[in-house]
Amino acid sequence: MYREIGDAPAFGLVMDHFGLLRSTIDRHGGGIVKTIGDAVMAAFRDPGAALRAALEIQEIFEDPNRLEHPLTIKAGLH
């Protein structure tokens, strides 16, 4: 994506992606522990809330009308 649209626009999309992740994680009672590059590590007290947040995030990013440049979302629950 960085090559396709350039550094500044791609960085802006990553920041938008963080905003969507943060608001969804917050809404489900979680908190961001850290970010690594374009990855986010979040913690939840309730595993069900973590799963609901992950599913909602996937739905958001799978919507072809939501983002001009789609981003791939991978989630793991531990």
C-alpha atoms as a PDB file:
ATOM      1  CA  MET A   1       0.000   0.000   0.000  1.00  0.00           C
ATOM      2  CA  TYR A   2       2.835   2.414   0.804  1.00  0.00           C
ATOM      3  CA  ARG A   3       4.255   1.950  -2.706  1.00  0.00           C
ATOM      4  CA  GLU A   4       0.847   2.228  -4.315  1.00  0.00           C
ATOM      5  CA  ILE A   5      -0.355   5.471  -2.713  1.00  0.00           C
ATOM      6  CA  GLY A   6       2.762   6.949  -1.094  1.00  0.00           C
ATOM      7  CA  ASP A   7       4.074   7.227   2.436  1.00  0.00           C
ATOM      8  CA  ALA A   8       1.973  10.090   3.783  1.00  0.00           C
ATOM      9  CA  PRO A   9      -1.409   8.838   2.513  1.00  0.00           C
ATOM     10  CA  ALA A  10      -0.639   5.270   3.618  1.00  0.00           C
ATOM     11  CA  PHE A  11       0.420   6.477   7.060  1.00  0.00           C
ATOM     12  CA  GLY A  12      -2.847   8.416   7.281  1.00  0.00           C
ATOM     13  CA  LEU A  13      -4.793   5.242   6.502  1.00  0.00           C
ATOM     14  CA  VAL A  14      -2.902   3.363   9.203  1.00  0.00           C
ATOM     15  CA  MET A  15      -3.755   6.118  11.693  1.00  0.00           C
ATOM     16  CA  ASP A  16      -7.422   5.909  10.647  1.00  0.00           C
ATOM     17  CA  HIS A  17      -7.213   2.139  11.131  1.00  0.00           C
ATOM     18  CA  PHE A  18      -5.865   2.684  14.667  1.00  0.00           C
ATOM     19  CA  GLY A  19      -8.772   5.025  15.405  1.00  0.00           C
ATOM     20  CA  LEU A  20     -11.325   2.434  14.305  1.00  0.00           C
ATOM     21  CA  LEU A  21      -9.571  -0.267  16.314  1.00  0.00           C
ATOM     22  CA  ARG A  22      -9.300   1.917  19.415  1.00  0.00           C
ATOM     23  CA  SER A  23     -12.964   2.912  19.389  1.00  0.00           C
ATOM     24  CA  THR A  24     -14.132  -0.673  18.866  1.00  0.00           C
ATOM     25  CA  ILE A  25     -11.822  -2.051  21.549  1.00  0.00           C
ATOM     26  CA  ASP A  26     -12.954   0.664  23.981  1.00  0.00           C
ATOM     27  CA  ARG A  27     -16.623   0.029  23.224  1.00  0.00           C
ATOM     28  CA  HIS A  28     -16.167  -3.640  24.147  1.00  0.00           C
ATOM     29  CA  GLY A  29     -14.405  -2.889  27.427  1.00  0.00           C
ATOM     30  CA  GLY A  30     -10.853  -3.531  26.286  1.00  0.00           C
ATOM     31  CA  GLY A  31      -7.737  -1.430  26.244  1.00  0.00           C
ATOM     32  CA  ILE A  32      -4.787  -1.122  23.908  1.00  0.00           C
ATOM     33  CA  VAL A  33      -1.634  -2.462  25.547  1.00  0.00           C
ATOM     34  CA  LYS A  34       0.757  -1.492  22.758  1.00  0.00           C
ATOM     35  CA  THR A  35       1.166  -0.962  19.058  1.00  0.00           C
ATOM     36  CA  ILE A  36       3.912  -2.495  16.947  1.00  0.00           C
ATOM     37  CA  GLY A  37       4.134  -1.016  13.463  1.00  0.00           C
ATOM     38  CA  ASP A  38       0.601  -1.357  12.163  1.00  0.00           C
ATOM     39  CA  ALA A  39      -0.351  -4.003  14.749  1.00  0.00           C
ATOM     40  CA  VAL A  40      -2.316  -3.516  17.954  1.00  0.00           C
ATOM     41  CA  MET A  41      -2.222  -5.618  21.105  1.00  0.00           C
ATOM     42  CA  ALA A  42      -5.304  -5.227  23.267  1.00  0.00           C
ATOM     43  CA  ALA A  43      -6.365  -6.762  26.561  1.00  0.00           C
ATOM     44  CA  PHE A  44      -9.857  -7.599  27.785  1.00  0.00           C
ATOM     45  CA  ARG A  45     -11.091  -8.923  31.123  1.00  0.00           C
ATOM     46  CA  ASP A  46     -13.919 -10.802  29.400  1.00  0.00           C
ATOM     47  CA  PRO A  47     -12.937 -13.238  26.622  1.00  0.00           C
ATOM     48  CA  GLY A  48     -16.423 -12.936  25.124  1.00  0.00           C
ATOM     49  CA  ALA A  49     -15.943  -9.186  24.777  1.00  0.00           C
ATOM     50  CA  ALA A  50     -12.598  -9.796  23.071  1.00  0.00           C
ATOM     51  CA  LEU A  51     -14.255 -12.122  20.581  1.00  0.00           C
ATOM     52  CA  ARG A  52     -17.101  -9.676  19.921  1.00  0.00           C
ATOM     53  CA  ALA A  53     -14.594  -6.858  19.359  1.00  0.00           C
ATOM     54  CA  ALA A  54     -12.530  -8.991  16.965  1.00  0.00           C
ATOM     55  CA  LEU A  55     -15.616  -9.973  14.975  1.00  0.00           C
ATOM     56  CA  GLU A  56     -16.832  -6.375  14.785  1.00  0.00           C
ATOM     57  CA  ILE A  57     -13.399  -5.200  13.647  1.00  0.00           C
ATOM     58  CA  GLN A  58     -13.369  -7.834  10.908  1.00  0.00           C
ATOM     59  CA  GLU A  59     -16.831  -6.740   9.771  1.00  0.00           C
ATOM     60  CA  ILE A  60     -15.739  -3.103   9.640  1.00  0.00           C
ATOM     61  CA  PHE A  61     -12.691  -3.838   7.527  1.00  0.00           C
ATOM     62  CA  GLU A  62     -14.455  -6.328   5.232  1.00  0.00           C
ATOM     63  CA  ASP A  63     -16.975  -3.684   4.133  1.00  0.00           C
ATOM     64  CA  PRO A  64     -15.825  -2.693   0.612  1.00  0.00           C
ATOM     65  CA  ASN A  65     -17.565   0.685   0.927  1.00  0.00           C
ATOM     66  CA  ARG A  66     -15.759   1.576   4.160  1.00  0.00           C
ATOM     67  CA  LEU A  67     -12.207   2.024   2.918  1.00  0.00           C
ATOM     68  CA  GLU A  68     -10.801   3.112  -0.420  1.00  0.00           C
ATOM     69  CA  HIS A  69      -7.715   0.945   0.176  1.00  0.00           C
ATOM     70  CA  PRO A  70      -8.726  -2.234   2.017  1.00  0.00           C
ATOM     71  CA  LEU A  71      -6.562  -3.387   4.898  1.00  0.00           C
ATOM     72  CA  THR A  72      -6.141  -6.995   5.955  1.00  0.00           C
ATOM     73  CA  ILE A  73      -7.070  -7.661   9.563  1.00  0.00           C
ATOM     74  CA  LYS A  74      -5.734 -10.635  11.478  1.00  0.00           C
ATOM     75  CA  ALA A  75      -6.849 -11.355  15.023  1.00  0.00           C
ATOM     76  CA  GLY A  76      -5.745 -13.833  17.632  1.00  0.00           C
ATOM     77  CA  LEU A  77      -7.232 -14.525  21.042  1.00  0.00           C
ATOM     78  CA  HIS A  78      -5.048 -15.973  23.808  1.00  0.00           C
END
